[in-house]
Each structure stands twice: as structure tokens, then as C-alpha cells.
């Protein structure tokens, strides 16, 4: 999950939790929103600390000298 997907989950979760006042039979919309926000925060943490360092590039230089 990338940074964009994580932020999207946080935004959708916040909208479901704080902005909507809808009742759906058998589903707690507030809890779904909280779950999405927690998933988005965990996605940001994993992206930054676990998958982030893997994207670094290493540059090597070779020097050829004639004797």
C-alpha cells in the first residue's frame, strides 16, 4: 500500500465517522470509518519505515587504470 492509498483510507474513514449521519441495518458506519482510519495509519507507517528504505538506490563507480 502506498502513501496515496493510505491517505485515501484515512479520508474515507474520517468522512464515514465524522461527516455522515446514516443508519444502515446491521452495519455500524462509525466503526467501519474507524477501522479504515486505523488501516490507513498502519499503511502509512509500513510505507514509511518498512518499504521506504527499500526504494533507495546505490550508486557504484568503477575506475579502470592502465598500468
PDB file of N, CA and C in Angstrom:
ATOM      1  N   UNK A   1       0.851  -1.157   0.000  1.00  0.00           N
ATOM      2  CA  UNK A   1       0.000   0.000   0.000  1.00  0.00           C
ATOM      3  C   UNK A   1       0.899   1.223   0.000  1.00  0.00           C
ATOM      4  N   UNK A   2       0.607   2.148  -0.876  1.00  0.00           N
ATOM      5  CA  UNK A   2       1.415   3.353  -0.954  1.00  0.00           C
ATOM      6  C   UNK A   2       0.863   4.474  -0.086  1.00  0.00           C
ATOM      7  N   UNK A   3       1.537   5.602  -0.181  1.00  0.00           N
ATOM      8  CA  UNK A   3       1.130   6.754   0.610  1.00  0.00           C
ATOM      9  C   UNK A   3      -0.241   7.256   0.167  1.00  0.00           C
ATOM     10  N   UNK A   4      -0.482   7.277  -1.125  1.00  0.00           N
ATOM     11  CA  UNK A   4      -1.760   7.755  -1.632  1.00  0.00           C
ATOM     12  C   UNK A   4      -2.933   6.900  -1.177  1.00  0.00           C
ATOM     13  N   UNK A   5      -2.769   5.596  -1.222  1.00  0.00           N
ATOM     14  CA  UNK A   5      -3.841   4.698  -0.774  1.00  0.00           C
ATOM     15  C   UNK A   5      -4.079   4.831   0.725  1.00  0.00           C
ATOM     16  N   UNK A   6      -3.027   5.026   1.483  1.00  0.00           N
ATOM     17  CA  UNK A   6      -3.163   5.193   2.933  1.00  0.00           C
ATOM     18  C   UNK A   6      -3.931   6.471   3.267  1.00  0.00           C
ATOM     19  N   UNK A   7      -3.581   7.556   2.596  1.00  0.00           N
ATOM     20  CA  UNK A   7      -4.280   8.817   2.835  1.00  0.00           C
ATOM     21  C   UNK A   7      -5.737   8.709   2.399  1.00  0.00           C
ATOM     22  N   UNK A   8      -5.986   8.011   1.311  1.00  0.00           N
ATOM     23  CA  UNK A   8      -7.361   7.802   0.850  1.00  0.00           C
ATOM     24  C   UNK A   8      -8.179   7.056   1.901  1.00  0.00           C
ATOM     25  N   UNK A   9      -7.605   6.007   2.494  1.00  0.00           N
ATOM     26  CA  UNK A   9      -8.324   5.266   3.530  1.00  0.00           C
ATOM     27  C   UNK A   9      -8.601   6.143   4.752  1.00  0.00           C
ATOM     28  N   UNK A  10      -7.653   6.973   5.126  1.00  0.00           N
ATOM     29  CA  UNK A  10      -7.856   7.863   6.270  1.00  0.00           C
ATOM     30  C   UNK A  10      -8.977   8.853   5.974  1.00  0.00           C
ATOM     31  N   UNK A  11      -8.994   9.420   4.788  1.00  0.00           N
ATOM     32  CA  UNK A  11     -10.023  10.405   4.427  1.00  0.00           C
ATOM     33  C   UNK A  11     -11.399   9.768   4.367  1.00  0.00           C
ATOM     34  N   UNK A  12     -11.503   8.615   3.730  1.00  0.00           N
ATOM     35  CA  UNK A  12     -12.806   7.937   3.645  1.00  0.00           C
ATOM     36  C   UNK A  12     -13.287   7.532   5.037  1.00  0.00           C
ATOM     37  N   UNK A  13     -12.382   7.051   5.872  1.00  0.00           N
ATOM     38  CA  UNK A  13     -12.753   6.680   7.232  1.00  0.00           C
ATOM     39  C   UNK A  13     -13.222   7.872   8.039  1.00  0.00           C
ATOM     40  N   UNK A  14     -12.558   9.008   7.878  1.00  0.00           N
ATOM     41  CA  UNK A  14     -12.966  10.215   8.595  1.00  0.00           C
ATOM     42  C   UNK A  14     -14.322  10.710   8.120  1.00  0.00           C
ATOM     43  N   UNK A  15     -14.577  10.622   6.842  1.00  0.00           N
ATOM     44  CA  UNK A  15     -15.885  11.022   6.320  1.00  0.00           C
ATOM     45  C   UNK A  15     -16.974  10.116   6.875  1.00  0.00           C
ATOM     46  N   UNK A  16     -16.734   8.813   6.875  1.00  0.00           N
ATOM     47  CA  UNK A  16     -17.741   7.884   7.400  1.00  0.00           C
ATOM     48  C   UNK A  16     -17.975   8.093   8.894  1.00  0.00           C
ATOM     49  N   UNK A  17     -16.928   8.408   9.632  1.00  0.00           N
ATOM     50  CA  UNK A  17     -17.050   8.545  11.079  1.00  0.00           C
ATOM     51  C   UNK A  17     -17.639   9.883  11.497  1.00  0.00           C
ATOM     52  N   UNK A  18     -17.134  10.966  10.935  1.00  0.00           N
ATOM     53  CA  UNK A  18     -17.475  12.283  11.451  1.00  0.00           C
ATOM     54  C   UNK A  18     -18.512  13.048  10.630  1.00  0.00           C
ATOM     55  N   UNK A  19     -18.602  12.789   9.336  1.00  0.00           N
ATOM     56  CA  UNK A  19     -19.450  13.622   8.484  1.00  0.00           C
ATOM     57  C   UNK A  19     -20.810  13.015   8.186  1.00  0.00           C
ATOM     58  N   UNK A  20     -20.919  11.712   8.201  1.00  0.00           N
ATOM     59  CA  UNK A  20     -22.182  11.074   7.838  1.00  0.00           C
ATOM     60  C   UNK A  20     -23.008  10.733   9.071  1.00  0.00           C
ATOM     61  N   UNK A  21     -24.298  10.912   8.918  1.00  0.00           N
ATOM     62  CA  UNK A  21     -25.236  10.505   9.964  1.00  0.00           C
ATOM     63  C   UNK A  21     -26.266   9.587   9.326  1.00  0.00           C
ATOM     64  N   UNK A  22     -25.810   8.404   8.954  1.00  0.00           N
ATOM     65  CA  UNK A  22     -26.633   7.438   8.231  1.00  0.00           C
ATOM     66  C   UNK A  22     -26.760   6.179   9.072  1.00  0.00           C
ATOM     67  N   UNK A  23     -27.938   5.589   9.044  1.00  0.00           N
ATOM     68  CA  UNK A  23     -28.167   4.340   9.758  1.00  0.00           C
ATOM     69  C   UNK A  23     -28.375   3.226   8.732  1.00  0.00           C
ATOM     70  N   UNK A  24     -27.560   2.193   8.846  1.00  0.00           N
ATOM     71  CA  UNK A  24     -27.682   1.028   7.976  1.00  0.00           C
ATOM     72  C   UNK A  24     -27.914  -0.165   8.877  1.00  0.00           C
ATOM     73  N   UNK A  25     -28.915  -0.954   8.544  1.00  0.00           N
ATOM     74  CA  UNK A  25     -29.265  -2.106   9.376  1.00  0.00           C
ATOM     75  C   UNK A  25     -28.129  -3.125   9.383  1.00  0.00           C
ATOM     76  N   UNK A  26     -27.637  -3.426  10.564  1.00  0.00           N
ATOM     77  CA  UNK A  26     -26.611  -4.455  10.718  1.00  0.00           C
ATOM     78  C   UNK A  26     -25.182  -3.975  10.542  1.00  0.00           C
ATOM     79  N   UNK A  27     -24.980  -2.708  10.206  1.00  0.00           N
ATOM     80  CA  UNK A  27     -23.631  -2.200   9.990  1.00  0.00           C
ATOM     81  C   UNK A  27     -23.460  -0.913  10.787  1.00  0.00           C
ATOM     82  N   UNK A  28     -22.408  -0.846  11.567  1.00  0.00           N
ATOM     83  CA  UNK A  28     -22.086   0.369  12.307  1.00  0.00           C
ATOM     84  C   UNK A  28     -21.119   1.190  11.457  1.00  0.00           C
ATOM     85  N   UNK A  29     -21.639   2.229  10.813  1.00  0.00           N
ATOM     86  CA  UNK A  29     -20.841   3.039   9.891  1.00  0.00           C
ATOM     87  C   UNK A  29     -19.678   3.716  10.619  1.00  0.00           C
ATOM     88  N   UNK A  30     -19.894   4.129  11.868  1.00  0.00           N
ATOM     89  CA  UNK A  30     -18.810   4.758  12.628  1.00  0.00           C
ATOM     90  C   UNK A  30     -17.652   3.786  12.840  1.00  0.00           C
ATOM     91  N   UNK A  31     -17.956   2.550  13.144  1.00  0.00           N
ATOM     92  CA  UNK A  31     -16.896   1.559  13.367  1.00  0.00           C
ATOM     93  C   UNK A  31     -16.156   1.249  12.066  1.00  0.00           C
ATOM     94  N   UNK A  32     -16.871   1.190  10.968  1.00  0.00           N
ATOM     95  CA  UNK A  32     -16.217   0.976   9.665  1.00  0.00           C
ATOM     96  C   UNK A  32     -15.259   2.124   9.380  1.00  0.00           C
ATOM     97  N   UNK A  33     -15.677   3.348   9.692  1.00  0.00           N
ATOM     98  CA  UNK A  33     -14.805   4.502   9.495  1.00  0.00           C
ATOM     99  C   UNK A  33     -13.556   4.438  10.347  1.00  0.00           C
ATOM    100  N   UNK A  34     -13.716   4.061  11.622  1.00  0.00           N
ATOM    101  CA  UNK A  34     -12.547   3.933  12.499  1.00  0.00           C
ATOM    102  C   UNK A  34     -11.587   2.851  12.000  1.00  0.00           C
ATOM    103  N   UNK A  35     -12.141   1.753  11.529  1.00  0.00           N
ATOM    104  CA  UNK A  35     -11.301   0.662  11.014  1.00  0.00           C
ATOM    105  C   UNK A  35     -10.519   1.132   9.792  1.00  0.00           C
ATOM    106  N   UNK A  36     -11.174   1.880   8.899  1.00  0.00           N
ATOM    107  CA  UNK A  36     -10.478   2.392   7.724  1.00  0.00           C
ATOM    108  C   UNK A  36      -9.385   3.386   8.101  1.00  0.00           C
ATOM    109  N   UNK A  37      -9.662   4.237   9.083  1.00  0.00           N
ATOM    110  CA  UNK A  37      -8.637   5.195   9.509  1.00  0.00           C
ATOM    111  C   UNK A  37      -7.436   4.488  10.138  1.00  0.00           C
ATOM    112  N   UNK A  38      -7.670   3.491  10.959  1.00  0.00           N
ATOM    113  CA  UNK A  38      -6.559   2.743  11.566  1.00  0.00           C
ATOM    114  C   UNK A  38      -5.768   2.009  10.485  1.00  0.00           C
ATOM    115  N   UNK A  39      -6.467   1.432   9.516  1.00  0.00           N
ATOM    116  CA  UNK A  39      -5.773   0.772   8.410  1.00  0.00           C
ATOM    117  C   UNK A  39      -4.929   1.743   7.602  1.00  0.00           C
ATOM    118  N   UNK A  40      -5.432   2.949   7.389  1.00  0.00           N
ATOM    119  CA  UNK A  40      -4.661   3.958   6.670  1.00  0.00           C
ATOM    120  C   UNK A  40      -3.425   4.400   7.428  1.00  0.00           C
ATOM    121  N   UNK A  41      -3.555   4.579   8.737  1.00  0.00           N
ATOM    122  CA  UNK A  41      -2.395   4.968   9.550  1.00  0.00           C
ATOM    123  C   UNK A  41      -1.354   3.851   9.559  1.00  0.00           C
ATOM    124  N   UNK A  42      -1.799   2.617   9.711  1.00  0.00           N
ATOM    125  CA  UNK A  42      -0.850   1.494   9.654  1.00  0.00           C
ATOM    126  C   UNK A  42      -0.182   1.407   8.289  1.00  0.00           C
ATOM    127  N   UNK A  43      -0.940   1.670   7.233  1.00  0.00           N
ATOM    128  CA  UNK A  43      -0.352   1.687   5.892  1.00  0.00           C
ATOM    129  C   UNK A  43       0.713   2.754   5.746  1.00  0.00           C
ATOM    130  N   UNK A  44       0.472   3.936   6.325  1.00  0.00           N
ATOM    131  CA  UNK A  44       1.490   4.989   6.288  1.00  0.00           C
ATOM    132  C   UNK A  44       2.747   4.583   7.050  1.00  0.00           C
ATOM    133  N   UNK A  45       2.558   3.966   8.193  1.00  0.00           N
ATOM    134  CA  UNK A  45       3.712   3.541   8.998  1.00  0.00           C
ATOM    135  C   UNK A  45       4.518   2.479   8.252  1.00  0.00           C
ATOM    136  N   UNK A  46       3.832   1.486   7.693  1.00  0.00           N
ATOM    137  CA  UNK A  46       4.544   0.440   6.958  1.00  0.00           C
ATOM    138  C   UNK A  46       5.246   1.007   5.729  1.00  0.00           C
ATOM    139  N   UNK A  47       4.588   1.920   5.037  1.00  0.00           N
ATOM    140  CA  UNK A  47       5.206   2.503   3.849  1.00  0.00           C
ATOM    141  C   UNK A  47       6.444   3.304   4.214  1.00  0.00           C
ATOM    142  N   UNK A  48       6.371   4.065   5.281  1.00  0.00           N
ATOM    143  CA  UNK A  48       7.493   4.935   5.647  1.00  0.00           C
ATOM    144  C   UNK A  48       8.678   4.172   6.220  1.00  0.00           C
ATOM    145  N   UNK A  49       8.418   3.193   7.073  1.00  0.00           N
ATOM    146  CA  UNK A  49       9.515   2.570   7.807  1.00  0.00           C
ATOM    147  C   UNK A  49       9.941   1.201   7.275  1.00  0.00           C
ATOM    148  N   UNK A  50       9.066   0.490   6.636  1.00  0.00           N
ATOM    149  CA  UNK A  50       9.439  -0.849   6.170  1.00  0.00           C
ATOM    150  C   UNK A  50       9.754  -0.851   4.683  1.00  0.00           C
ATOM    151  N   UNK A  51       8.826  -0.332   3.855  1.00  0.00           N
ATOM    152  CA  UNK A  51       9.052  -0.356   2.422  1.00  0.00           C
ATOM    153  C   UNK A  51       9.805   0.859   1.922  1.00  0.00           C
ATOM    154  N   UNK A  52       9.862   1.921   2.693  1.00  0.00           N
ATOM    155  CA  UNK A  52      10.562   3.132   2.283  1.00  0.00           C
ATOM    156  C   UNK A  52      12.050   2.939   2.077  1.00  0.00           C
ATOM    157  N   UNK A  53      12.757   2.320   3.024  1.00  0.00           N
ATOM    158  CA  UNK A  53      14.205   2.151   2.845  1.00  0.00           C
ATOM    159  C   UNK A  53      14.575   1.240   1.675  1.00  0.00           C
ATOM    160  N   UNK A  54      13.672   0.406   1.209  1.00  0.00           N
ATOM    161  CA  UNK A  54      13.984  -0.493   0.096  1.00  0.00           C
ATOM    162  C   UNK A  54      14.054   0.242  -1.229  1.00  0.00           C
ATOM    163  N   UNK A  55      13.506   1.431  -1.302  1.00  0.00           N
ATOM    164  CA  UNK A  55      13.474   2.164  -2.553  1.00  0.00           C
ATOM    165  C   UNK A  55      14.723   3.002  -2.782  1.00  0.00           C
ATOM    166  N   UNK A  56      15.672   2.939  -1.902  1.00  0.00           N
ATOM    167  CA  UNK A  56      16.893   3.713  -2.064  1.00  0.00           C
ATOM    168  C   UNK A  56      17.771   3.079  -3.134  1.00  0.00           C
ATOM    169  N   UNK A  57      18.454   3.917  -3.880  1.00  0.00           N
ATOM    170  CA  UNK A  57      19.349   3.413  -4.910  1.00  0.00           C
ATOM    171  C   UNK A  57      20.792   3.573  -4.453  1.00  0.00           C
ATOM    172  N   UNK A  58      21.617   2.673  -4.884  1.00  0.00           N
ATOM    173  CA  UNK A  58      23.029   2.697  -4.538  1.00  0.00           C
ATOM    174  C   UNK A  58      23.808   2.917  -5.828  1.00  0.00           C
ATOM    175  N   UNK A  59      24.677   3.892  -5.816  1.00  0.00           N
ATOM    176  CA  UNK A  59      25.488   4.195  -6.984  1.00  0.00           C
ATOM    177  C   UNK A  59      26.895   3.680  -6.735  1.00  0.00           C
ATOM    178  N   UNK A  60      27.392   2.891  -7.651  1.00  0.00           N
ATOM    179  CA  UNK A  60      28.765   2.390  -7.553  1.00  0.00           C
ATOM    180  C   UNK A  60      29.564   2.928  -8.735  1.00  0.00           C
ATOM    181  N   UNK A  61      30.820   3.192  -8.474  1.00  0.00           N
ATOM    182  CA  UNK A  61      31.699   3.701  -9.521  1.00  0.00           C
ATOM    183  C   UNK A  61      32.874   2.747  -9.674  1.00  0.00           C
ATOM    184  N   UNK A  62      33.193   2.489 -10.912  1.00  0.00           N
ATOM    185  CA  UNK A  62      34.354   1.657 -11.207  1.00  0.00           C
ATOM    186  C   UNK A  62      35.390   2.498 -11.926  1.00  0.00           C
ATOM    187  N   UNK A  63      36.610   2.388 -11.477  1.00  0.00           N
ATOM    188  CA  UNK A  63      37.703   3.110 -12.098  1.00  0.00           C
ATOM    189  C   UNK A  63      38.639   2.106 -12.749  1.00  0.00           C
ATOM    190  N   UNK A  64      38.927   2.351 -14.012  1.00  0.00           N
ATOM    191  CA  UNK A  64      39.862   1.487 -14.731  1.00  0.00           C
ATOM    192  C   UNK A  64      41.148   2.260 -14.960  1.00  0.00           C
ATOM    193  N   UNK A  65      42.239   1.751 -14.439  1.00  0.00           N
ATOM    194  CA  UNK A  65      43.534   2.408 -14.608  1.00  0.00           C
ATOM    195  C   UNK A  65      44.433   1.544 -15.464  1.00  0.00           C
ATOM    196  N   UNK A  66      45.141   2.221 -16.329  1.00  0.00           N
ATOM    197  CA  UNK A  66      46.099   1.492 -17.171  1.00  0.00           C
ATOM    198  C   UNK A  66      47.456   1.500 -16.493  1.00  0.00           C
ATOM    199  N   UNK A  67      48.128   0.367 -16.540  1.00  0.00           N
ATOM    200  CA  UNK A  67      49.449   0.271 -15.917  1.00  0.00           C
ATOM    201  C   UNK A  67      50.562   0.513 -16.896  1.00  0.00           C
TER     202      UNK A  67
END
